[in-house]
All heavy atoms as atom14 arrays in JSON, in Angstrom:
{
  "sequence": "ELVGWNVIDLISTESLDSALGAEVRLIVLDLAGRG",
  "atom14_mask": [
    [1, 1, 1, 1, 1, 1, 1, 1, 1, 0, 0, 0, 0, 0],
    [1, 1, 1, 1, 1, 1, 1, 1, 0, 0, 0, 0, 0, 0],
    [1, 1, 1, 1, 1, 1, 1, 0, 0, 0, 0, 0, 0, 0],
    [1, 1, 1, 1, 0, 0, 0, 0, 0, 0, 0, 0, 0, 0],
    [1, 1, 1, 1, 1, 1, 1, 1, 1, 1, 1, 1, 1, 1],
    [1, 1, 1, 1, 1, 1, 1, 1, 0, 0, 0, 0, 0, 0],
    [1, 1, 1, 1, 1, 1, 1, 0, 0, 0, 0, 0, 0, 0],
    [1, 1, 1, 1, 1, 1, 1, 1, 0, 0, 0, 0, 0, 0],
    [1, 1, 1, 1, 1, 1, 1, 1, 0, 0, 0, 0, 0, 0],
    [1, 1, 1, 1, 1, 1, 1, 1, 0, 0, 0, 0, 0, 0],
    [1, 1, 1, 1, 1, 1, 1, 1, 0, 0, 0, 0, 0, 0],
    [1, 1, 1, 1, 1, 1, 0, 0, 0, 0, 0, 0, 0, 0],
    [1, 1, 1, 1, 1, 1, 1, 0, 0, 0, 0, 0, 0, 0],
    [1, 1, 1, 1, 1, 1, 1, 1, 1, 0, 0, 0, 0, 0],
    [1, 1, 1, 1, 1, 1, 0, 0, 0, 0, 0, 0, 0, 0],
    [1, 1, 1, 1, 1, 1, 1, 1, 0, 0, 0, 0, 0, 0],
    [1, 1, 1, 1, 1, 1, 1, 1, 0, 0, 0, 0, 0, 0],
    [1, 1, 1, 1, 1, 1, 0, 0, 0, 0, 0, 0, 0, 0],
    [1, 1, 1, 1, 1, 0, 0, 0, 0, 0, 0, 0, 0, 0],
    [1, 1, 1, 1, 1, 1, 1, 1, 0, 0, 0, 0, 0, 0],
    [1, 1, 1, 1, 0, 0, 0, 0, 0, 0, 0, 0, 0, 0],
    [1, 1, 1, 1, 1, 0, 0, 0, 0, 0, 0, 0, 0, 0],
    [1, 1, 1, 1, 1, 1, 1, 1, 1, 0, 0, 0, 0, 0],
    [1, 1, 1, 1, 1, 1, 1, 0, 0, 0, 0, 0, 0, 0],
    [1, 1, 1, 1, 1, 1, 1, 1, 1, 1, 1, 0, 0, 0],
    [1, 1, 1, 1, 1, 1, 1, 1, 0, 0, 0, 0, 0, 0],
    [1, 1, 1, 1, 1, 1, 1, 1, 0, 0, 0, 0, 0, 0],
    [1, 1, 1, 1, 1, 1, 1, 0, 0, 0, 0, 0, 0, 0],
    [1, 1, 1, 1, 1, 1, 1, 1, 0, 0, 0, 0, 0, 0],
    [1, 1, 1, 1, 1, 1, 1, 1, 0, 0, 0, 0, 0, 0],
    [1, 1, 1, 1, 1, 1, 1, 1, 0, 0, 0, 0, 0, 0],
    [1, 1, 1, 1, 1, 0, 0, 0, 0, 0, 0, 0, 0, 0],
    [1, 1, 1, 1, 0, 0, 0, 0, 0, 0, 0, 0, 0, 0],
    [1, 1, 1, 1, 1, 1, 1, 1, 1, 1, 1, 0, 0, 0],
    [1, 1, 1, 1, 0, 0, 0, 0, 0, 0, 0, 0, 0, 0]
  ],
  "atom14_positions": [
    [[0.82, -1.22, 0.01], [0.0, 0.0, 0.0], [0.85, 1.26, 0.0], [0.51, 2.25, -0.66], [-0.92, 0.01, 1.22], [-1.84, 1.19, 1.32], [-2.93, 1.19, 0.29], [-3.15, 0.14, -0.37], [-3.57, 2.24, 0.08], [0.0, 0.0, 0.0], [0.0, 0.0, 0.0], [0.0, 0.0, 0.0], [0.0, 0.0, 0.0], [0.0, 0.0, 0.0]],
    [[1.96, 1.25, 0.74], [2.78, 2.44, 0.91], [4.08, 2.28, 0.15], [5.17, 2.09, 0.77], [3.04, 2.71, 2.41], [1.79, 2.96, 3.27], [2.18, 3.08, 4.74], [1.01, 4.19, 2.79], [0.0, 0.0, 0.0], [0.0, 0.0, 0.0], [0.0, 0.0, 0.0], [0.0, 0.0, 0.0], [0.0, 0.0, 0.0], [0.0, 0.0, 0.0]],
    [[4.0, 2.32, -1.13], [5.19, 2.15, -1.98], [6.19, 3.27, -1.74], [5.83, 4.43, -1.7], [4.8, 2.11, -3.46], [6.03, 1.93, -4.36], [3.81, 0.97, -3.73], [0.0, 0.0, 0.0], [0.0, 0.0, 0.0], [0.0, 0.0, 0.0], [0.0, 0.0, 0.0], [0.0, 0.0, 0.0], [0.0, 0.0, 0.0], [0.0, 0.0, 0.0]],
    [[7.44, 2.89, -1.51], [8.47, 3.9, -1.25], [8.67, 4.19, 0.22], [9.58, 4.92, 0.58], [0.0, 0.0, 0.0], [0.0, 0.0, 0.0], [0.0, 0.0, 0.0], [0.0, 0.0, 0.0], [0.0, 0.0, 0.0], [0.0, 0.0, 0.0], [0.0, 0.0, 0.0], [0.0, 0.0, 0.0], [0.0, 0.0, 0.0], [0.0, 0.0, 0.0]],
    [[7.84, 3.6, 1.07], [7.96, 3.78, 2.52], [8.77, 2.61, 3.09], [8.81, 1.53, 2.54], [6.6, 3.82, 3.17], [5.79, 5.05, 2.95], [5.49, 5.64, 1.76], [5.21, 5.86, 3.96], [4.73, 6.77, 1.96], [4.53, 6.93, 3.3], [5.16, 5.82, 5.35], [3.85, 7.93, 4.0], [4.48, 6.79, 6.04], [3.83, 7.85, 5.36]],
    [[9.36, 2.88, 4.27], [9.93, 1.8, 5.08], [8.88, 1.27, 6.01], [8.11, 2.05, 6.61], [11.11, 2.3, 5.93], [12.31, 2.64, 5.08], [12.68, 1.92, 4.15], [12.94, 3.76, 5.38], [0.0, 0.0, 0.0], [0.0, 0.0, 0.0], [0.0, 0.0, 0.0], [0.0, 0.0, 0.0], [0.0, 0.0, 0.0], [0.0, 0.0, 0.0]],
    [[8.82, -0.05, 6.18], [7.94, -0.66, 7.17], [8.83, -1.49, 8.08], [9.43, -2.47, 7.68], [6.87, -1.57, 6.52], [5.97, -2.14, 7.61], [6.04, -0.76, 5.52], [0.0, 0.0, 0.0], [0.0, 0.0, 0.0], [0.0, 0.0, 0.0], [0.0, 0.0, 0.0], [0.0, 0.0, 0.0], [0.0, 0.0, 0.0], [0.0, 0.0, 0.0]],
    [[8.98, -1.03, 9.33], [9.85, -1.69, 10.31], [8.96, -2.5, 11.26], [8.02, -1.95, 11.85], [10.64, -0.66, 11.11], [11.51, 0.19, 10.15], [11.52, -1.34, 12.14], [12.28, 1.29, 10.87], [0.0, 0.0, 0.0], [0.0, 0.0, 0.0], [0.0, 0.0, 0.0], [0.0, 0.0, 0.0], [0.0, 0.0, 0.0], [0.0, 0.0, 0.0]],
    [[9.25, -3.75, 11.42], [8.45, -4.6, 12.32], [9.29, -5.01, 13.53], [10.41, -5.42, 13.42], [7.92, -5.84, 11.61], [9.03, -6.69, 11.01], [9.8, -6.21, 10.18], [9.11, -7.88, 11.4], [0.0, 0.0, 0.0], [0.0, 0.0, 0.0], [0.0, 0.0, 0.0], [0.0, 0.0, 0.0], [0.0, 0.0, 0.0], [0.0, 0.0, 0.0]],
    [[8.69, -4.83, 14.71], [9.31, -5.12, 15.97], [8.39, -5.99, 16.81], [7.17, -5.9, 16.72], [9.63, -3.83, 16.75], [10.47, -2.77, 16.03], [10.56, -1.52, 16.89], [11.85, -3.3, 15.71], [0.0, 0.0, 0.0], [0.0, 0.0, 0.0], [0.0, 0.0, 0.0], [0.0, 0.0, 0.0], [0.0, 0.0, 0.0], [0.0, 0.0, 0.0]],
    [[8.96, -6.81, 17.67], [8.18, -7.66, 18.54], [7.76, -6.91, 19.81], [6.71, -7.16, 20.38], [8.96, -8.94, 18.89], [9.01, -9.86, 17.67], [8.33, -9.68, 20.08], [9.79, -11.13, 17.89], [0.0, 0.0, 0.0], [0.0, 0.0, 0.0], [0.0, 0.0, 0.0], [0.0, 0.0, 0.0], [0.0, 0.0, 0.0], [0.0, 0.0, 0.0]],
    [[8.59, -5.97, 20.23], [8.26, -5.21, 21.43], [8.92, -3.84, 21.38], [9.78, -3.56, 20.51], [8.74, -5.95, 22.69], [10.16, -5.85, 22.81], [0.0, 0.0, 0.0], [0.0, 0.0, 0.0], [0.0, 0.0, 0.0], [0.0, 0.0, 0.0], [0.0, 0.0, 0.0], [0.0, 0.0, 0.0], [0.0, 0.0, 0.0], [0.0, 0.0, 0.0]],
    [[8.52, -2.96, 22.31], [9.1, -1.62, 22.36], [10.55, -1.67, 22.8], [11.25, -0.65, 22.7], [8.29, -0.72, 23.3], [8.2, -1.35, 24.59], [6.9, -0.45, 22.78], [0.0, 0.0, 0.0], [0.0, 0.0, 0.0], [0.0, 0.0, 0.0], [0.0, 0.0, 0.0], [0.0, 0.0, 0.0], [0.0, 0.0, 0.0], [0.0, 0.0, 0.0]],
    [[11.02, -2.82, 23.3], [12.43, -2.93, 23.71], [13.38, -2.76, 22.54], [14.56, -2.43, 22.71], [12.67, -4.3, 24.35], [11.95, -4.51, 25.67], [12.14, -5.91, 26.22], [12.88, -6.7, 25.59], [11.55, -6.2, 27.28], [0.0, 0.0, 0.0], [0.0, 0.0, 0.0], [0.0, 0.0, 0.0], [0.0, 0.0, 0.0], [0.0, 0.0, 0.0]],
    [[12.87, -2.93, 21.31], [13.7, -2.83, 20.11], [13.59, -1.47, 19.41], [14.11, -1.29, 18.33], [13.34, -3.93, 19.12], [13.43, -5.2, 19.74], [0.0, 0.0, 0.0], [0.0, 0.0, 0.0], [0.0, 0.0, 0.0], [0.0, 0.0, 0.0], [0.0, 0.0, 0.0], [0.0, 0.0, 0.0], [0.0, 0.0, 0.0], [0.0, 0.0, 0.0]],
    [[12.88, -0.51, 20.04], [12.64, 0.77, 19.37], [13.9, 1.51, 19.01], [13.95, 2.26, 18.01], [11.77, 1.66, 20.27], [10.26, 1.44, 20.19], [9.55, 2.26, 21.28], [9.72, 1.8, 18.8], [0.0, 0.0, 0.0], [0.0, 0.0, 0.0], [0.0, 0.0, 0.0], [0.0, 0.0, 0.0], [0.0, 0.0, 0.0], [0.0, 0.0, 0.0]],
    [[14.95, 1.33, 19.79], [16.2, 2.06, 19.5], [16.76, 1.73, 18.11], [17.5, 2.52, 17.52], [17.25, 1.75, 20.55], [16.97, 2.47, 21.88], [16.11, 3.38, 21.87], [17.6, 2.09, 22.9], [0.0, 0.0, 0.0], [0.0, 0.0, 0.0], [0.0, 0.0, 0.0], [0.0, 0.0, 0.0], [0.0, 0.0, 0.0], [0.0, 0.0, 0.0]],
    [[16.38, 0.55, 17.57], [16.89, 0.16, 16.27], [16.36, 1.06, 15.14], [16.88, 1.09, 14.06], [16.5, -1.3, 15.96], [15.11, -1.44, 15.81], [0.0, 0.0, 0.0], [0.0, 0.0, 0.0], [0.0, 0.0, 0.0], [0.0, 0.0, 0.0], [0.0, 0.0, 0.0], [0.0, 0.0, 0.0], [0.0, 0.0, 0.0], [0.0, 0.0, 0.0]],
    [[15.25, 1.78, 15.44], [14.64, 2.65, 14.42], [15.03, 4.12, 14.6], [14.57, 4.95, 13.82], [13.13, 2.51, 14.49], [0.0, 0.0, 0.0], [0.0, 0.0, 0.0], [0.0, 0.0, 0.0], [0.0, 0.0, 0.0], [0.0, 0.0, 0.0], [0.0, 0.0, 0.0], [0.0, 0.0, 0.0], [0.0, 0.0, 0.0], [0.0, 0.0, 0.0]],
    [[15.83, 4.44, 15.59], [16.22, 5.84, 15.81], [16.91, 6.39, 14.56], [17.76, 5.76, 13.96], [17.15, 5.95, 17.03], [16.49, 5.71, 18.39], [17.55, 5.72, 19.5], [15.4, 6.73, 18.67], [0.0, 0.0, 0.0], [0.0, 0.0, 0.0], [0.0, 0.0, 0.0], [0.0, 0.0, 0.0], [0.0, 0.0, 0.0], [0.0, 0.0, 0.0]],
    [[16.55, 7.6, 14.21], [17.1, 8.23, 13.02], [16.23, 8.09, 11.79], [16.42, 8.83, 10.82], [0.0, 0.0, 0.0], [0.0, 0.0, 0.0], [0.0, 0.0, 0.0], [0.0, 0.0, 0.0], [0.0, 0.0, 0.0], [0.0, 0.0, 0.0], [0.0, 0.0, 0.0], [0.0, 0.0, 0.0], [0.0, 0.0, 0.0], [0.0, 0.0, 0.0]],
    [[15.25, 7.2, 11.87], [14.3, 7.05, 10.74], [13.25, 8.15, 10.8], [12.96, 8.71, 11.85], [13.63, 5.69, 10.79], [0.0, 0.0, 0.0], [0.0, 0.0, 0.0], [0.0, 0.0, 0.0], [0.0, 0.0, 0.0], [0.0, 0.0, 0.0], [0.0, 0.0, 0.0], [0.0, 0.0, 0.0], [0.0, 0.0, 0.0], [0.0, 0.0, 0.0]],
    [[12.66, 8.44, 9.64], [11.59, 9.46, 9.52], [10.25, 8.78, 9.84], [9.5, 8.41, 8.93], [11.59, 10.05, 8.13], [10.59, 11.17, 7.93], [10.87, 12.39, 8.77], [12.06, 12.65, 9.05], [9.93, 13.07, 9.16], [0.0, 0.0, 0.0], [0.0, 0.0, 0.0], [0.0, 0.0, 0.0], [0.0, 0.0, 0.0], [0.0, 0.0, 0.0]],
    [[10.0, 8.57, 11.11], [8.82, 7.8, 11.52], [7.55, 8.64, 11.45], [7.43, 9.67, 12.14], [9.0, 7.23, 12.95], [7.76, 6.47, 13.39], [10.23, 6.34, 13.0], [0.0, 0.0, 0.0], [0.0, 0.0, 0.0], [0.0, 0.0, 0.0], [0.0, 0.0, 0.0], [0.0, 0.0, 0.0], [0.0, 0.0, 0.0], [0.0, 0.0, 0.0]],
    [[6.61, 8.19, 10.63], [5.35, 8.93, 10.43], [4.19, 8.3, 11.17], [3.15, 8.92, 11.38], [4.99, 8.97, 8.94], [6.07, 9.62, 8.06], [6.11, 11.11, 8.19], [7.09, 11.69, 7.3], [6.86, 11.98, 6.03], [5.68, 11.72, 5.49], [7.83, 12.5, 5.27], [0.0, 0.0, 0.0], [0.0, 0.0, 0.0], [0.0, 0.0, 0.0]],
    [[4.34, 7.03, 11.61], [3.24, 6.33, 12.28], [3.8, 5.14, 13.01], [4.7, 4.44, 12.52], [2.19, 5.87, 11.26], [1.01, 5.04, 11.84], [0.14, 5.92, 12.73], [0.16, 4.46, 10.71], [0.0, 0.0, 0.0], [0.0, 0.0, 0.0], [0.0, 0.0, 0.0], [0.0, 0.0, 0.0], [0.0, 0.0, 0.0], [0.0, 0.0, 0.0]],
    [[3.26, 4.89, 14.21], [3.61, 3.71, 14.99], [2.32, 2.96, 15.31], [1.38, 3.52, 15.84], [4.35, 4.08, 16.28], [5.68, 4.75, 15.96], [4.6, 2.82, 17.13], [6.46, 5.23, 17.15], [0.0, 0.0, 0.0], [0.0, 0.0, 0.0], [0.0, 0.0, 0.0], [0.0, 0.0, 0.0], [0.0, 0.0, 0.0], [0.0, 0.0, 0.0]],
    [[2.29, 1.68, 14.96], [1.13, 0.84, 15.19], [1.5, -0.16, 16.28], [2.44, -0.94, 16.14], [0.73, 0.06, 13.91], [-0.51, -0.77, 14.16], [0.47, 1.04, 12.77], [0.0, 0.0, 0.0], [0.0, 0.0, 0.0], [0.0, 0.0, 0.0], [0.0, 0.0, 0.0], [0.0, 0.0, 0.0], [0.0, 0.0, 0.0], [0.0, 0.0, 0.0]],
    [[0.8, -0.11, 17.41], [1.1, -0.91, 18.58], [-0.01, -1.89, 18.87], [-1.18, -1.51, 18.92], [1.31, 0.0, 19.8], [1.53, -0.66, 21.16], [2.82, -1.44, 21.17], [1.54, 0.41, 22.25], [0.0, 0.0, 0.0], [0.0, 0.0, 0.0], [0.0, 0.0, 0.0], [0.0, 0.0, 0.0], [0.0, 0.0, 0.0], [0.0, 0.0, 0.0]],
    [[0.36, -3.15, 19.07], [-0.65, -4.18, 19.38], [-1.14, -3.99, 20.82], [-0.35, -3.89, 21.75], [-0.01, -5.57, 19.22], [-1.0, -6.69, 19.53], [-2.21, -6.47, 19.38], [-0.54, -7.78, 19.9], [0.0, 0.0, 0.0], [0.0, 0.0, 0.0], [0.0, 0.0, 0.0], [0.0, 0.0, 0.0], [0.0, 0.0, 0.0], [0.0, 0.0, 0.0]],
    [[-2.47, -3.92, 20.97], [-3.06, -3.82, 22.31], [-2.9, -5.12, 23.07], [-2.79, -5.14, 24.31], [-4.54, -3.45, 22.18], [-5.26, -2.97, 23.42], [-4.54, -1.76, 24.06], [-6.69, -2.6, 23.1], [0.0, 0.0, 0.0], [0.0, 0.0, 0.0], [0.0, 0.0, 0.0], [0.0, 0.0, 0.0], [0.0, 0.0, 0.0], [0.0, 0.0, 0.0]],
    [[-2.9, -6.24, 22.34], [-2.6, -7.57, 22.93], [-3.53, -7.9, 24.11], [-3.05, -8.49, 25.11], [-1.15, -7.64, 23.33], [0.0, 0.0, 0.0], [0.0, 0.0, 0.0], [0.0, 0.0, 0.0], [0.0, 0.0, 0.0], [0.0, 0.0, 0.0], [0.0, 0.0, 0.0], [0.0, 0.0, 0.0], [0.0, 0.0, 0.0], [0.0, 0.0, 0.0]],
    [[-4.77, -7.54, 24.04], [-5.73, -7.9, 25.07], [-5.62, -7.04, 26.33], [-6.35, -7.28, 27.31], [0.0, 0.0, 0.0], [0.0, 0.0, 0.0], [0.0, 0.0, 0.0], [0.0, 0.0, 0.0], [0.0, 0.0, 0.0], [0.0, 0.0, 0.0], [0.0, 0.0, 0.0], [0.0, 0.0, 0.0], [0.0, 0.0, 0.0], [0.0, 0.0, 0.0]],
    [[-4.76, -6.07, 26.32], [-4.57, -5.23, 27.52], [-5.65, -4.14, 27.59], [-6.19, -3.72, 26.59], [-3.2, -4.54, 27.5], [-2.05, -5.51, 27.57], [-0.72, -4.81, 27.41], [-0.53, -4.3, 26.04], [0.6, -3.72, 25.61], [1.6, -3.54, 26.47], [0.7, -3.3, 24.38], [0.0, 0.0, 0.0], [0.0, 0.0, 0.0], [0.0, 0.0, 0.0]],
    [[-5.9, -3.67, 28.77], [-6.76, -2.53, 28.94], [-6.01, -1.26, 28.59], [-4.76, -1.22, 28.72], [0.0, 0.0, 0.0], [0.0, 0.0, 0.0], [0.0, 0.0, 0.0], [0.0, 0.0, 0.0], [0.0, 0.0, 0.0], [0.0, 0.0, 0.0], [0.0, 0.0, 0.0], [0.0, 0.0, 0.0], [0.0, 0.0, 0.0], [0.0, 0.0, 0.0]]
  ]
}
C-alpha cells in the first residue's frame, strides 16, 4: 500500500532504538488484550 515507505516490524518496544534516526510517520502498537 505504501510504496516507497519503510515498514519496520518489531516484537516489542524494547527494540525501538533500532529505528532511531528514521523518519517515523506512524507507529502501530498491538493492544494484545490489555486494557
